[in-house]
Amino acid sequence: MAVGIVSVPTRYLHTASEVLSLDDVDDTVSMLTRFTVDLRDGVNLRP
């Protein structure tokens, strides 16, 4: 099974005041949606 990681950039990750941009979250969702919509049957994602 092919596995990948996608992360949203944040600041102050290991503190009580971690922050992120909602635009980055929206862009990440758009990117993942586009990736899955564009997948073709039978594509081999293994390296």
PDB file of N, CA and C in Angstrom:
ATOM      1  N   MET A   1       0.831  -1.161   0.000  1.00  0.00           N
ATOM      2  CA  MET A   1       0.000   0.000   0.000  1.00  0.00           C
ATOM      3  C   MET A   1       0.885   1.237   0.000  1.00  0.00           C
ATOM      4  N   ALA A   2       0.601   2.110  -0.921  1.00  0.00           N
ATOM      5  CA  ALA A   2       1.331   3.384  -0.954  1.00  0.00           C
ATOM      6  C   ALA A   2       0.834   4.284   0.171  1.00  0.00           C
ATOM      7  N   VAL A   3       1.756   4.963   0.807  1.00  0.00           N
ATOM      8  CA  VAL A   3       1.415   5.849   1.923  1.00  0.00           C
ATOM      9  C   VAL A   3       2.088   7.190   1.693  1.00  0.00           C
ATOM     10  N   GLY A   4       1.390   8.257   2.013  1.00  0.00           N
ATOM     11  CA  GLY A   4       1.958   9.592   1.899  1.00  0.00           C
ATOM     12  C   GLY A   4       1.535  10.441   3.083  1.00  0.00           C
ATOM     13  N   ILE A   5       2.247  11.496   3.294  1.00  0.00           N
ATOM     14  CA  ILE A   5       1.944  12.406   4.398  1.00  0.00           C
ATOM     15  C   ILE A   5       1.754  13.810   3.833  1.00  0.00           C
ATOM     16  N   VAL A   6       0.710  14.444   4.287  1.00  0.00           N
ATOM     17  CA  VAL A   6       0.462  15.842   3.937  1.00  0.00           C
ATOM     18  C   VAL A   6       0.283  16.588   5.244  1.00  0.00           C
ATOM     19  N   SER A   7       0.981  17.681   5.390  1.00  0.00           N
ATOM     20  CA  SER A   7       0.836  18.458   6.623  1.00  0.00           C
ATOM     21  C   SER A   7       0.564  19.918   6.280  1.00  0.00           C
ATOM     22  N   VAL A   8      -0.107  20.564   7.193  1.00  0.00           N
ATOM     23  CA  VAL A   8      -0.408  21.986   7.062  1.00  0.00           C
ATOM     24  C   VAL A   8       0.628  22.746   7.882  1.00  0.00           C
ATOM     25  N   PRO A   9       1.270  23.747   7.308  1.00  0.00           N
ATOM     26  CA  PRO A   9       2.270  24.500   8.059  1.00  0.00           C
ATOM     27  C   PRO A   9       1.666  25.205   9.275  1.00  0.00           C
ATOM     28  N   THR A  10       2.346  25.092  10.391  1.00  0.00           N
ATOM     29  CA  THR A  10       1.902  25.748  11.620  1.00  0.00           C
ATOM     30  C   THR A  10       3.094  26.431  12.283  1.00  0.00           C
ATOM     31  N   ARG A  11       2.790  27.286  13.234  1.00  0.00           N
ATOM     32  CA  ARG A  11       3.824  27.925  14.058  1.00  0.00           C
ATOM     33  C   ARG A  11       3.586  27.531  15.500  1.00  0.00           C
ATOM     34  N   TYR A  12       4.656  27.453  16.253  1.00  0.00           N
ATOM     35  CA  TYR A  12       4.602  27.168  17.689  1.00  0.00           C
ATOM     36  C   TYR A  12       3.921  25.820  17.944  1.00  0.00           C
ATOM     37  N   LEU A  13       4.364  24.803  17.193  1.00  0.00           N
ATOM     38  CA  LEU A  13       3.723  23.490  17.168  1.00  0.00           C
ATOM     39  C   LEU A  13       3.549  22.855  18.536  1.00  0.00           C
ATOM     40  N   HIS A  14       4.541  22.900  19.380  1.00  0.00           N
ATOM     41  CA  HIS A  14       4.479  22.197  20.658  1.00  0.00           C
ATOM     42  C   HIS A  14       4.183  23.144  21.820  1.00  0.00           C
ATOM     43  N   THR A  15       3.314  24.098  21.597  1.00  0.00           N
ATOM     44  CA  THR A  15       2.928  25.023  22.656  1.00  0.00           C
ATOM     45  C   THR A  15       1.399  25.086  22.725  1.00  0.00           C
ATOM     46  N   ALA A  16       0.905  25.752  23.730  1.00  0.00           N
ATOM     47  CA  ALA A  16      -0.548  25.898  23.877  1.00  0.00           C
ATOM     48  C   ALA A  16      -1.126  26.915  22.897  1.00  0.00           C
ATOM     49  N   SER A  17      -0.271  27.648  22.208  1.00  0.00           N
ATOM     50  CA  SER A  17      -0.758  28.693  21.294  1.00  0.00           C
ATOM     51  C   SER A  17      -0.380  28.406  19.848  1.00  0.00           C
ATOM     52  N   GLU A  18      -0.484  27.155  19.438  1.00  0.00           N
ATOM     53  CA  GLU A  18      -0.198  26.794  18.049  1.00  0.00           C
ATOM     54  C   GLU A  18      -1.129  27.563  17.121  1.00  0.00           C
ATOM     55  N   VAL A  19      -0.594  28.070  16.028  1.00  0.00           N
ATOM     56  CA  VAL A  19      -1.398  28.845  15.085  1.00  0.00           C
ATOM     57  C   VAL A  19      -1.190  28.321  13.667  1.00  0.00           C
ATOM     58  N   LEU A  20      -2.203  28.556  12.833  1.00  0.00           N
ATOM     59  CA  LEU A  20      -2.106  28.205  11.425  1.00  0.00           C
ATOM     60  C   LEU A  20      -2.963  29.152  10.611  1.00  0.00           C
ATOM     61  N   SER A  21      -2.757  29.122   9.342  1.00  0.00           N
ATOM     62  CA  SER A  21      -3.532  29.960   8.433  1.00  0.00           C
ATOM     63  C   SER A  21      -4.701  29.135   7.885  1.00  0.00           C
ATOM     64  N   LEU A  22      -5.906  29.660   7.993  1.00  0.00           N
ATOM     65  CA  LEU A  22      -7.060  28.961   7.435  1.00  0.00           C
ATOM     66  C   LEU A  22      -6.961  28.854   5.919  1.00  0.00           C
ATOM     67  N   ASP A  23      -6.269  29.785   5.288  1.00  0.00           N
ATOM     68  CA  ASP A  23      -6.032  29.689   3.843  1.00  0.00           C
ATOM     69  C   ASP A  23      -5.189  28.459   3.519  1.00  0.00           C
ATOM     70  N   ASP A  24      -4.185  28.172   4.368  1.00  0.00           N
ATOM     71  CA  ASP A  24      -3.368  26.971   4.165  1.00  0.00           C
ATOM     72  C   ASP A  24      -4.208  25.704   4.305  1.00  0.00           C
ATOM     73  N   VAL A  25      -5.138  25.692   5.252  1.00  0.00           N
ATOM     74  CA  VAL A  25      -6.020  24.532   5.418  1.00  0.00           C
ATOM     75  C   VAL A  25      -6.893  24.371   4.172  1.00  0.00           C
ATOM     76  N   ASP A  26      -7.488  25.443   3.710  1.00  0.00           N
ATOM     77  CA  ASP A  26      -8.330  25.391   2.505  1.00  0.00           C
ATOM     78  C   ASP A  26      -7.535  24.935   1.287  1.00  0.00           C
ATOM     79  N   ASP A  27      -6.318  25.441   1.141  1.00  0.00           N
ATOM     80  CA  ASP A  27      -5.477  25.054   0.006  1.00  0.00           C
ATOM     81  C   ASP A  27      -5.085  23.582   0.080  1.00  0.00           C
ATOM     82  N   THR A  28      -4.830  23.081   1.276  1.00  0.00           N
ATOM     83  CA  THR A  28      -4.479  21.674   1.444  1.00  0.00           C
ATOM     84  C   THR A  28      -5.656  20.778   1.079  1.00  0.00           C
ATOM     85  N   VAL A  29      -6.848  21.153   1.514  1.00  0.00           N
ATOM     86  CA  VAL A  29      -8.048  20.388   1.149  1.00  0.00           C
ATOM     87  C   VAL A  29      -8.238  20.402  -0.367  1.00  0.00           C
ATOM     88  N   SER A  30      -8.065  21.540  -0.981  1.00  0.00           N
ATOM     89  CA  SER A  30      -8.200  21.641  -2.444  1.00  0.00           C
ATOM     90  C   SER A  30      -7.175  20.765  -3.157  1.00  0.00           C
ATOM     91  N   MET A  31      -5.942  20.775  -2.671  1.00  0.00           N
ATOM     92  CA  MET A  31      -4.892  19.971  -3.289  1.00  0.00           C
ATOM     93  C   MET A  31      -5.204  18.481  -3.183  1.00  0.00           C
ATOM     94  N   LEU A  32      -5.621  18.024  -2.001  1.00  0.00           N
ATOM     95  CA  LEU A  32      -5.937  16.608  -1.825  1.00  0.00           C
ATOM     96  C   LEU A  32      -7.168  16.199  -2.626  1.00  0.00           C
ATOM     97  N   THR A  33      -8.144  17.084  -2.701  1.00  0.00           N
ATOM     98  CA  THR A  33      -9.335  16.799  -3.498  1.00  0.00           C
ATOM     99  C   THR A  33      -8.962  16.650  -4.961  1.00  0.00           C
ATOM    100  N   ARG A  34      -8.170  17.574  -5.465  1.00  0.00           N
ATOM    101  CA  ARG A  34      -7.744  17.521  -6.869  1.00  0.00           C
ATOM    102  C   ARG A  34      -6.927  16.258  -7.145  1.00  0.00           C
ATOM    103  N   PHE A  35      -6.050  15.882  -6.215  1.00  0.00           N
ATOM    104  CA  PHE A  35      -5.230  14.688  -6.390  1.00  0.00           C
ATOM    105  C   PHE A  35      -6.107  13.451  -6.513  1.00  0.00           C
ATOM    106  N   THR A  36      -7.091  13.312  -5.613  1.00  0.00           N
ATOM    107  CA  THR A  36      -7.931  12.114  -5.640  1.00  0.00           C
ATOM    108  C   THR A  36      -8.862  12.104  -6.855  1.00  0.00           C
ATOM    109  N   VAL A  37      -9.355  13.254  -7.268  1.00  0.00           N
ATOM    110  CA  VAL A  37     -10.222  13.315  -8.444  1.00  0.00           C
ATOM    111  C   VAL A  37      -9.444  12.942  -9.705  1.00  0.00           C
ATOM    112  N   ASP A  38      -8.179  13.322  -9.766  1.00  0.00           N
ATOM    113  CA  ASP A  38      -7.367  13.069 -10.962  1.00  0.00           C
ATOM    114  C   ASP A  38      -6.775  11.662 -11.020  1.00  0.00           C
ATOM    115  N   LEU A  39      -6.909  10.864  -9.962  1.00  0.00           N
ATOM    116  CA  LEU A  39      -6.366   9.507  -9.983  1.00  0.00           C
ATOM    117  C   LEU A  39      -7.069   8.662 -11.040  1.00  0.00           C
ATOM    118  N   ARG A  40      -6.321   7.875 -11.736  1.00  0.00           N
ATOM    119  CA  ARG A  40      -6.870   6.996 -12.763  1.00  0.00           C
ATOM    120  C   ARG A  40      -6.902   5.558 -12.233  1.00  0.00           C
ATOM    121  N   ASP A  41      -7.815   4.761 -12.744  1.00  0.00           N
ATOM    122  CA  ASP A  41      -7.861   3.349 -12.365  1.00  0.00           C
ATOM    123  C   ASP A  41      -6.558   2.670 -12.777  1.00  0.00           C
ATOM    124  N   GLY A  42      -6.075   1.821 -11.892  1.00  0.00           N
ATOM    125  CA  GLY A  42      -4.879   1.052 -12.195  1.00  0.00           C
ATOM    126  C   GLY A  42      -3.568   1.780 -12.018  1.00  0.00           C
ATOM    127  N   VAL A  43      -3.587   3.011 -11.513  1.00  0.00           N
ATOM    128  CA  VAL A  43      -2.341   3.749 -11.316  1.00  0.00           C
ATOM    129  C   VAL A  43      -1.526   3.069 -10.213  1.00  0.00           C
ATOM    130  N   ASN A  44      -0.235   2.950 -10.420  1.00  0.00           N
ATOM    131  CA  ASN A  44       0.667   2.329  -9.445  1.00  0.00           C
ATOM    132  C   ASN A  44       1.409   3.437  -8.724  1.00  0.00           C
ATOM    133  N   LEU A  45       1.115   3.622  -7.449  1.00  0.00           N
ATOM    134  CA  LEU A  45       1.751   4.691  -6.661  1.00  0.00           C
ATOM    135  C   LEU A  45       2.980   4.223  -5.885  1.00  0.00           C
ATOM    136  N   ARG A  46       3.313   2.960  -6.028  1.00  0.00           N
ATOM    137  CA  ARG A  46       4.491   2.460  -5.316  1.00  0.00           C
ATOM    138  C   ARG A  46       5.772   2.916  -6.008  1.00  0.00           C
ATOM    139  N   PRO A  47       6.771   3.289  -5.207  1.00  0.00           N
ATOM    140  CA  PRO A  47       8.037   3.741  -5.822  1.00  0.00           C
ATOM    141  C   PRO A  47       8.795   2.615  -6.494  1.00  0.00           C
TER     142      PRO A  47
END
